[in-house]
N, C-alpha and C. Protein backbone atom coordinates (compact mmCIF):
# COMPACT_ATOMS: atom_id res chain seq x y z
N MET A 1 0.85 -1.17 0.00
CA MET A 1 0.01 0.01 0.00
C MET A 1 0.88 1.24 -0.01
N LEU A 2 0.61 2.14 -0.93
CA LEU A 2 1.38 3.38 -0.96
C LEU A 2 0.74 4.42 -0.04
N ILE A 3 1.60 5.08 0.76
CA ILE A 3 1.15 6.07 1.72
C ILE A 3 2.04 7.31 1.58
N ALA A 4 1.42 8.47 1.52
CA ALA A 4 2.14 9.73 1.38
C ALA A 4 2.24 10.38 2.76
N VAL A 5 3.36 11.05 3.02
CA VAL A 5 3.61 11.71 4.31
C VAL A 5 4.08 13.11 4.08
N ALA A 6 3.47 14.08 4.80
CA ALA A 6 3.91 15.46 4.75
C ALA A 6 4.97 15.64 5.80
N SER A 7 6.22 15.75 5.39
CA SER A 7 7.31 15.90 6.34
C SER A 7 8.37 16.86 5.80
N LYS A 8 8.76 17.78 6.63
CA LYS A 8 9.82 18.68 6.25
C LYS A 8 11.18 18.05 6.60
N THR A 9 11.23 17.34 7.71
CA THR A 9 12.50 16.77 8.20
C THR A 9 12.85 15.43 7.58
N GLY A 10 11.84 14.69 7.13
CA GLY A 10 12.07 13.37 6.64
C GLY A 10 12.12 12.30 7.72
N ALA A 11 11.88 12.69 8.96
CA ALA A 11 11.89 11.74 10.08
C ALA A 11 10.55 11.76 10.84
N GLU A 12 9.90 12.89 10.79
CA GLU A 12 8.63 13.09 11.55
C GLU A 12 7.54 13.57 10.62
N VAL A 13 6.30 13.32 11.01
CA VAL A 13 5.15 13.95 10.38
C VAL A 13 5.08 15.33 11.01
N ASP A 14 5.44 16.35 10.25
CA ASP A 14 5.58 17.68 10.85
C ASP A 14 5.15 18.81 9.95
N GLN A 15 4.27 18.50 8.99
CA GLN A 15 3.89 19.55 8.07
C GLN A 15 2.38 19.49 7.78
N HIS A 16 1.78 20.66 7.70
CA HIS A 16 0.38 20.87 7.36
C HIS A 16 0.18 20.52 5.90
N PHE A 17 -0.91 19.87 5.54
CA PHE A 17 -1.20 19.50 4.17
C PHE A 17 -1.01 20.69 3.23
N GLY A 18 -1.60 21.83 3.61
CA GLY A 18 -1.57 22.99 2.75
C GLY A 18 -0.23 23.66 2.62
N HIS A 19 0.69 23.37 3.53
CA HIS A 19 2.02 23.98 3.48
C HIS A 19 3.04 23.10 2.81
N ALA A 20 2.69 21.88 2.55
CA ALA A 20 3.67 20.90 1.99
C ALA A 20 4.00 21.24 0.58
N GLU A 21 5.31 21.25 0.29
CA GLU A 21 5.79 21.42 -1.08
C GLU A 21 6.34 20.09 -1.59
N ARG A 22 6.29 19.08 -0.75
CA ARG A 22 6.67 17.72 -1.16
C ARG A 22 5.99 16.75 -0.23
N PHE A 23 5.79 15.54 -0.73
CA PHE A 23 5.29 14.42 0.06
C PHE A 23 6.25 13.27 -0.10
N LEU A 24 6.58 12.61 0.98
CA LEU A 24 7.39 11.41 0.92
C LEU A 24 6.44 10.26 0.71
N ILE A 25 6.81 9.35 -0.15
CA ILE A 25 5.95 8.21 -0.50
C ILE A 25 6.64 6.93 0.01
N TYR A 26 5.83 6.12 0.70
CA TYR A 26 6.27 4.86 1.29
C TYR A 26 5.39 3.73 0.79
N ASP A 27 5.99 2.59 0.64
CA ASP A 27 5.26 1.36 0.37
C ASP A 27 5.21 0.58 1.68
N TYR A 28 4.02 0.46 2.22
CA TYR A 28 3.85 -0.25 3.51
C TYR A 28 3.38 -1.68 3.20
N GLY A 29 4.20 -2.65 3.46
CA GLY A 29 3.82 -4.03 3.23
C GLY A 29 4.48 -4.91 4.28
N SER A 30 3.74 -5.84 4.80
CA SER A 30 4.25 -6.80 5.78
C SER A 30 4.89 -6.09 7.00
N GLY A 31 4.37 -4.93 7.34
CA GLY A 31 4.89 -4.22 8.48
C GLY A 31 6.28 -3.65 8.27
N ASN A 32 6.76 -3.66 7.04
CA ASN A 32 8.11 -3.20 6.75
C ASN A 32 8.05 -2.08 5.71
N PRO A 33 7.82 -0.84 6.19
CA PRO A 33 7.71 0.25 5.21
C PRO A 33 8.99 0.53 4.47
N GLN A 34 8.88 0.74 3.18
CA GLN A 34 10.05 1.05 2.36
C GLN A 34 9.83 2.39 1.65
N PRO A 35 10.83 3.31 1.72
CA PRO A 35 10.65 4.56 0.98
C PRO A 35 10.69 4.32 -0.52
N VAL A 36 9.75 4.94 -1.19
CA VAL A 36 9.67 4.79 -2.64
C VAL A 36 10.23 6.03 -3.32
N GLY A 37 10.07 7.18 -2.68
CA GLY A 37 10.57 8.43 -3.27
C GLY A 37 9.83 9.61 -2.66
N GLU A 38 9.89 10.69 -3.38
CA GLU A 38 9.15 11.88 -2.97
C GLU A 38 8.61 12.57 -4.20
N VAL A 39 7.48 13.30 -4.01
CA VAL A 39 6.90 14.05 -5.10
C VAL A 39 6.81 15.50 -4.66
N GLU A 40 7.17 16.38 -5.55
CA GLU A 40 7.06 17.81 -5.30
C GLU A 40 5.70 18.30 -5.79
N VAL A 41 5.13 19.22 -5.02
CA VAL A 41 3.81 19.76 -5.36
C VAL A 41 3.83 21.27 -5.15
N GLU A 42 2.87 21.92 -5.79
CA GLU A 42 2.67 23.33 -5.52
C GLU A 42 1.91 23.44 -4.22
N LYS A 43 2.36 24.28 -3.31
CA LYS A 43 1.73 24.45 -2.03
C LYS A 43 0.25 24.81 -2.18
N TYR A 44 -0.62 24.11 -1.45
CA TYR A 44 -2.05 24.32 -1.57
C TYR A 44 -2.50 25.63 -0.86
N CYS A 45 -1.94 25.93 0.29
CA CYS A 45 -2.36 27.03 1.10
C CYS A 45 -1.94 28.39 0.51
N SER A 46 -2.89 29.30 0.46
CA SER A 46 -2.60 30.65 -0.04
C SER A 46 -2.55 31.68 1.07
N TYR A 47 -2.78 31.24 2.30
CA TYR A 47 -2.82 32.11 3.47
C TYR A 47 -3.93 33.15 3.34
N ASP A 48 -4.93 32.87 2.55
CA ASP A 48 -6.10 33.75 2.39
C ASP A 48 -7.04 33.46 3.52
N PRO A 49 -7.45 34.47 4.31
CA PRO A 49 -8.33 34.19 5.44
C PRO A 49 -9.70 33.61 5.03
N ASP A 50 -10.12 33.81 3.81
CA ASP A 50 -11.39 33.26 3.38
C ASP A 50 -11.29 31.79 2.96
N HIS A 51 -10.04 31.30 2.79
CA HIS A 51 -9.77 29.89 2.45
C HIS A 51 -10.56 29.36 1.30
N PRO A 52 -10.47 30.01 0.12
CA PRO A 52 -11.19 29.44 -1.03
C PRO A 52 -10.54 28.12 -1.45
N PHE A 53 -11.34 27.24 -2.03
CA PHE A 53 -10.80 25.99 -2.47
C PHE A 53 -9.98 26.24 -3.73
N ARG A 54 -8.76 25.78 -3.71
CA ARG A 54 -7.83 26.02 -4.83
C ARG A 54 -7.78 24.76 -5.70
N HIS A 55 -8.68 24.66 -6.66
CA HIS A 55 -8.82 23.48 -7.49
C HIS A 55 -7.54 23.09 -8.21
N ARG A 56 -6.87 24.06 -8.83
CA ARG A 56 -5.67 23.72 -9.62
C ARG A 56 -4.59 23.10 -8.73
N GLN A 57 -4.35 23.71 -7.60
CA GLN A 57 -3.28 23.17 -6.71
C GLN A 57 -3.70 21.82 -6.12
N PHE A 58 -4.98 21.71 -5.73
CA PHE A 58 -5.45 20.46 -5.19
C PHE A 58 -5.37 19.33 -6.23
N ASP A 59 -5.81 19.63 -7.44
CA ASP A 59 -5.75 18.60 -8.51
C ASP A 59 -4.29 18.19 -8.79
N GLY A 60 -3.37 19.13 -8.69
CA GLY A 60 -1.95 18.78 -8.90
C GLY A 60 -1.43 17.86 -7.80
N ILE A 61 -1.89 18.11 -6.57
CA ILE A 61 -1.46 17.23 -5.46
C ILE A 61 -2.05 15.84 -5.63
N VAL A 62 -3.33 15.77 -5.97
CA VAL A 62 -3.96 14.47 -6.19
C VAL A 62 -3.23 13.71 -7.30
N ALA A 63 -2.87 14.37 -8.37
CA ALA A 63 -2.13 13.71 -9.46
C ALA A 63 -0.77 13.21 -8.97
N ALA A 64 -0.10 14.01 -8.16
CA ALA A 64 1.20 13.62 -7.64
C ALA A 64 1.08 12.41 -6.68
N LEU A 65 -0.04 12.29 -5.98
CA LEU A 65 -0.23 11.21 -5.03
C LEU A 65 -0.94 9.99 -5.65
N LYS A 66 -0.99 9.96 -6.95
CA LYS A 66 -1.68 8.86 -7.65
C LYS A 66 -1.15 7.51 -7.14
N GLY A 67 -2.07 6.64 -6.80
CA GLY A 67 -1.73 5.30 -6.31
C GLY A 67 -1.68 5.23 -4.80
N CYS A 68 -1.60 6.37 -4.14
CA CYS A 68 -1.57 6.38 -2.64
C CYS A 68 -2.96 6.14 -2.10
N LYS A 69 -3.01 5.29 -1.07
CA LYS A 69 -4.27 4.99 -0.41
C LYS A 69 -4.51 5.95 0.76
N ALA A 70 -3.46 6.57 1.28
CA ALA A 70 -3.59 7.46 2.42
C ALA A 70 -2.54 8.55 2.35
N VAL A 71 -2.83 9.67 3.04
CA VAL A 71 -1.87 10.74 3.20
C VAL A 71 -1.89 11.14 4.69
N VAL A 72 -0.72 11.25 5.28
CA VAL A 72 -0.63 11.60 6.70
C VAL A 72 0.01 12.98 6.80
N THR A 73 -0.65 13.88 7.50
CA THR A 73 -0.16 15.26 7.71
C THR A 73 -0.30 15.65 9.15
N ALA A 74 0.36 16.72 9.52
CA ALA A 74 0.25 17.22 10.88
C ALA A 74 -1.08 17.96 11.07
N MET A 75 -1.67 18.44 9.97
CA MET A 75 -2.96 19.13 10.04
C MET A 75 -3.50 19.21 8.60
N ILE A 76 -4.81 19.25 8.51
CA ILE A 76 -5.45 19.40 7.20
C ILE A 76 -6.82 20.07 7.41
N GLY A 77 -7.18 20.94 6.50
CA GLY A 77 -8.47 21.61 6.56
C GLY A 77 -9.58 20.66 6.20
N GLU A 78 -10.80 21.00 6.61
CA GLU A 78 -11.94 20.15 6.38
C GLU A 78 -12.24 19.96 4.90
N LEU A 79 -12.18 21.00 4.11
CA LEU A 79 -12.52 20.87 2.69
C LEU A 79 -11.52 19.98 1.93
N PRO A 80 -10.19 20.22 2.06
CA PRO A 80 -9.27 19.28 1.42
C PRO A 80 -9.42 17.85 1.89
N LYS A 81 -9.72 17.69 3.19
CA LYS A 81 -9.96 16.35 3.74
C LYS A 81 -11.09 15.66 3.04
N GLN A 82 -12.22 16.37 2.89
CA GLN A 82 -13.38 15.82 2.22
C GLN A 82 -13.10 15.49 0.76
N GLU A 83 -12.37 16.38 0.10
CA GLU A 83 -12.06 16.18 -1.32
C GLU A 83 -11.14 14.99 -1.53
N LEU A 84 -10.16 14.82 -0.63
CA LEU A 84 -9.28 13.64 -0.70
C LEU A 84 -10.11 12.34 -0.56
N GLN A 85 -11.00 12.34 0.37
CA GLN A 85 -11.86 11.15 0.57
C GLN A 85 -12.66 10.83 -0.70
N LYS A 86 -13.13 11.87 -1.37
CA LYS A 86 -13.93 11.67 -2.60
C LYS A 86 -13.11 10.96 -3.69
N VAL A 87 -11.77 11.19 -3.71
CA VAL A 87 -10.96 10.56 -4.75
C VAL A 87 -10.29 9.28 -4.25
N GLY A 88 -10.67 8.81 -3.07
CA GLY A 88 -10.18 7.52 -2.56
C GLY A 88 -8.90 7.58 -1.79
N ILE A 89 -8.49 8.75 -1.32
CA ILE A 89 -7.30 8.86 -0.50
C ILE A 89 -7.76 9.17 0.94
N THR A 90 -7.34 8.35 1.86
CA THR A 90 -7.71 8.53 3.27
C THR A 90 -6.77 9.55 3.90
N PRO A 91 -7.28 10.71 4.35
CA PRO A 91 -6.42 11.70 5.01
C PRO A 91 -6.35 11.39 6.53
N LEU A 92 -5.18 11.46 7.09
CA LEU A 92 -5.00 11.25 8.53
C LEU A 92 -4.13 12.33 9.13
N VAL A 93 -4.44 12.69 10.33
CA VAL A 93 -3.64 13.69 11.05
C VAL A 93 -2.88 12.92 12.12
N ALA A 94 -1.56 13.16 12.13
CA ALA A 94 -0.72 12.51 13.13
C ALA A 94 0.52 13.41 13.37
N ALA A 95 1.24 13.06 14.39
CA ALA A 95 2.51 13.75 14.69
C ALA A 95 3.46 12.71 15.21
N GLY A 96 4.72 12.96 15.06
CA GLY A 96 5.72 12.00 15.56
C GLY A 96 6.41 11.27 14.47
N PRO A 97 7.08 10.18 14.82
CA PRO A 97 7.87 9.42 13.86
C PRO A 97 7.07 8.90 12.64
N ILE A 98 7.65 8.99 11.50
CA ILE A 98 7.00 8.53 10.28
C ILE A 98 6.59 7.05 10.37
N ALA A 99 7.45 6.22 10.93
CA ALA A 99 7.15 4.78 11.03
C ALA A 99 5.83 4.55 11.76
N ASP A 100 5.58 5.27 12.85
CA ASP A 100 4.37 5.12 13.61
C ASP A 100 3.17 5.60 12.76
N ALA A 101 3.36 6.71 12.04
CA ALA A 101 2.29 7.25 11.21
C ALA A 101 1.91 6.29 10.07
N LEU A 102 2.91 5.61 9.52
CA LEU A 102 2.64 4.68 8.42
C LEU A 102 1.80 3.52 8.93
N LYS A 103 2.08 3.01 10.09
CA LYS A 103 1.30 1.92 10.68
C LYS A 103 -0.11 2.40 10.92
N LEU A 104 -0.27 3.60 11.50
CA LEU A 104 -1.59 4.16 11.71
C LEU A 104 -2.36 4.27 10.43
N ALA A 105 -1.71 4.79 9.39
CA ALA A 105 -2.38 4.95 8.09
C ALA A 105 -2.80 3.61 7.50
N HIS A 106 -1.90 2.67 7.55
CA HIS A 106 -2.22 1.34 7.03
C HIS A 106 -3.42 0.73 7.79
N ASP A 107 -3.32 0.76 9.10
CA ASP A 107 -4.37 0.15 9.91
C ASP A 107 -5.69 0.86 9.76
N SER A 108 -5.68 2.17 9.50
CA SER A 108 -6.90 2.93 9.31
C SER A 108 -7.55 2.56 7.99
N VAL A 109 -6.75 2.42 6.95
CA VAL A 109 -7.32 2.04 5.65
C VAL A 109 -7.78 0.60 5.64
N CYS A 110 -6.98 -0.24 6.27
CA CYS A 110 -7.26 -1.67 6.29
C CYS A 110 -8.10 -2.09 7.49
N GLU A 111 -8.44 -1.14 8.31
CA GLU A 111 -9.22 -1.37 9.54
C GLU A 111 -8.55 -2.36 10.50
N GLY A 112 -7.21 -2.46 10.39
CA GLY A 112 -6.44 -3.27 11.32
C GLY A 112 -6.55 -4.76 11.14
N GLY A 113 -7.35 -5.21 10.22
CA GLY A 113 -7.60 -6.64 10.09
C GLY A 113 -6.43 -7.46 9.66
N CYS A 114 -5.57 -6.97 8.81
CA CYS A 114 -4.49 -7.82 8.28
C CYS A 114 -3.20 -7.70 9.05
N GLN A 115 -3.06 -6.60 9.80
CA GLN A 115 -1.82 -6.36 10.56
C GLN A 115 -0.58 -6.41 9.66
N GLY A 116 -0.73 -5.93 8.42
CA GLY A 116 0.39 -5.82 7.51
C GLY A 116 0.81 -7.09 6.80
N ARG A 117 0.04 -8.16 6.95
CA ARG A 117 0.41 -9.41 6.30
C ARG A 117 0.21 -9.26 4.77
N LYS A 118 0.92 -10.08 4.04
CA LYS A 118 0.85 -10.02 2.56
C LYS A 118 -0.55 -10.33 2.04
N SER A 119 -1.37 -10.97 2.85
CA SER A 119 -2.75 -11.25 2.42
C SER A 119 -3.64 -10.01 2.43
N CYS A 120 -3.11 -8.90 2.91
CA CYS A 120 -3.89 -7.67 2.97
C CYS A 120 -4.35 -7.25 1.54
N LYS A 121 -5.59 -6.94 1.39
CA LYS A 121 -6.09 -6.56 0.07
C LYS A 121 -5.58 -5.19 -0.34
N HIS A 122 -5.01 -4.42 0.57
CA HIS A 122 -4.53 -3.10 0.23
C HIS A 122 -3.04 -3.06 -0.13
N ILE A 123 -2.33 -4.16 0.04
CA ILE A 123 -0.90 -4.13 -0.19
C ILE A 123 -0.64 -4.44 -1.63
């Protein structure tokens, strides 16, 4: 299962979805996450107090996260969260080590049933 992580440091989930200019991509399988790479994106947040939905930036992020089942961020607004769900990407808010966030993301998408075994329908 591919999972995207918003991280500035590369070690922790430490970035807001709207502030991310890159997402780290991991393949989570058999409880052994492997880094796949990273994708650069145009920052979604415009710092506009009215928070209009930015379709072009959002669509670019969705295209960059193609194949990902989940995205883990330190924070995400309600509208981007809903829009990610509509396209089949589970948004999760977490903080701390990336490894812990990847397990949380996997278990949230898979509802914890497979515990990372190869028989998981999401891997």
